[in-house]
Structures are given as structure tokens and as C-alpha cells.
Amino acid sequence: MTTTNYNIRLDQELRDRAFSVFESYGLTPSQAIKLFLNQVAETNTVPLSFDYQATPSAIIQEGDSLHLMAAK
């Protein structure tokens, strides 16, 4: 099996919060991301729920990100 590296940029707070969850499950970030990607590849779906209630700050951040992406 050939492997490849994939680098992503994350907000430090998001990274810290997510990695803490991975650790609570006994997973490394690499293992957790591989599990996610395997699930996507096996099911041809994204295994996420999109029916959550976003906090006002999350909505503002998402709006800013979308605005910045559209401006590029």
C-alpha cells in the first residue's frame, strides 16, 4: 500500500477541542481521521449530522469563512 501525506490548516482552538475528544476515545488524530475517511469511502456518504443547532458565534465564523472564500 502506497501512503501519502495530507496537510490541513486548523484553528488552534478547534484542533485542541477535537484532539481532546480523539484522546478520550484512545485514538490518535491520525487514527481518527483515517476512520472518518474509511467510513466515507465505504459508504459513499459523509457520516455527519447536519441537523445541529449552531451557536451564534459559530454562525458568524461560518459566515465570515464563506465570505472570505467567495472573495478569493
Protein backbone atom coordinates (compact mmCIF):
# COMPACT_ATOMS: atom_id res chain seq x y z
CA MET A 1 0.00 0.00 0.00
CA THR A 2 1.37 3.39 -1.00
CA THR A 3 0.82 6.15 1.55
CA THR A 4 0.59 9.89 1.11
CA ASN A 5 0.74 12.95 3.34
CA TYR A 6 -2.07 15.46 3.51
CA ASN A 7 -1.66 18.75 5.40
CA ILE A 8 -4.54 20.90 6.60
CA ARG A 9 -4.76 24.24 8.36
CA LEU A 10 -6.87 24.37 11.50
CA ASP A 11 -7.82 26.99 14.01
CA GLN A 12 -5.81 26.19 17.16
CA GLU A 13 -8.93 26.12 19.37
CA LEU A 14 -10.71 23.70 17.03
CA ARG A 15 -7.62 21.48 16.90
CA ASP A 16 -7.32 21.40 20.69
CA ARG A 17 -11.01 20.63 21.25
CA ALA A 18 -11.14 17.91 18.57
CA PHE A 19 -7.86 16.26 19.56
CA SER A 20 -9.08 16.13 23.16
CA VAL A 21 -12.11 14.13 22.01
CA PHE A 22 -9.90 11.77 20.00
CA GLU A 23 -7.73 11.25 23.07
CA SER A 24 -10.78 10.46 25.21
CA TYR A 25 -11.52 7.60 22.80
CA GLY A 26 -7.92 6.39 22.91
CA LEU A 27 -7.30 7.49 19.32
CA THR A 28 -4.51 9.48 17.77
CA PRO A 29 -5.62 12.24 15.40
CA SER A 30 -4.23 10.19 12.52
CA GLN A 31 -6.29 7.16 13.52
CA ALA A 32 -9.47 9.23 13.91
CA ILE A 33 -9.06 10.88 10.51
CA LYS A 34 -8.35 7.51 8.87
CA LEU A 35 -11.52 6.08 10.46
CA PHE A 36 -13.52 9.01 9.08
CA LEU A 37 -12.05 8.67 5.58
CA ASN A 38 -12.59 4.90 5.56
CA GLN A 39 -16.24 5.41 6.54
CA VAL A 40 -16.70 7.94 3.72
CA ALA A 41 -15.04 5.63 1.19
CA GLU A 42 -17.01 2.55 2.28
CA THR A 43 -20.44 4.18 2.42
CA ASN A 44 -20.12 6.92 -0.21
CA THR A 45 -21.68 9.30 2.32
CA VAL A 46 -20.43 11.80 4.85
CA PRO A 47 -21.11 10.33 8.31
CA LEU A 48 -22.15 13.61 9.91
CA SER A 49 -25.38 15.02 11.19
CA PHE A 50 -26.25 18.38 9.69
CA ASP A 51 -29.23 18.98 11.97
CA TYR A 52 -27.29 20.51 14.88
CA GLN A 53 -28.10 23.94 16.28
CA ALA A 54 -25.13 26.21 15.72
CA THR A 55 -24.23 28.79 18.33
CA PRO A 56 -24.38 32.45 17.24
CA SER A 57 -20.57 32.69 17.26
CA ALA A 58 -20.29 29.61 15.04
CA ILE A 59 -22.75 31.13 12.57
CA ILE A 60 -20.73 34.36 12.45
CA GLN A 61 -17.48 32.44 11.96
CA GLU A 62 -19.02 30.29 9.22
CA GLY A 63 -20.40 33.40 7.55
CA ASP A 64 -17.00 35.07 7.65
CA SER A 65 -15.36 31.97 6.21
CA LEU A 66 -17.91 31.76 3.41
CA HIS A 67 -17.48 35.46 2.67
CA LEU A 68 -13.70 35.10 2.57
CA MET A 69 -13.93 32.03 0.35
CA ALA A 70 -16.26 33.81 -2.06
CA ALA A 71 -13.91 36.79 -2.23
CA LYS A 72 -10.98 34.65 -3.39
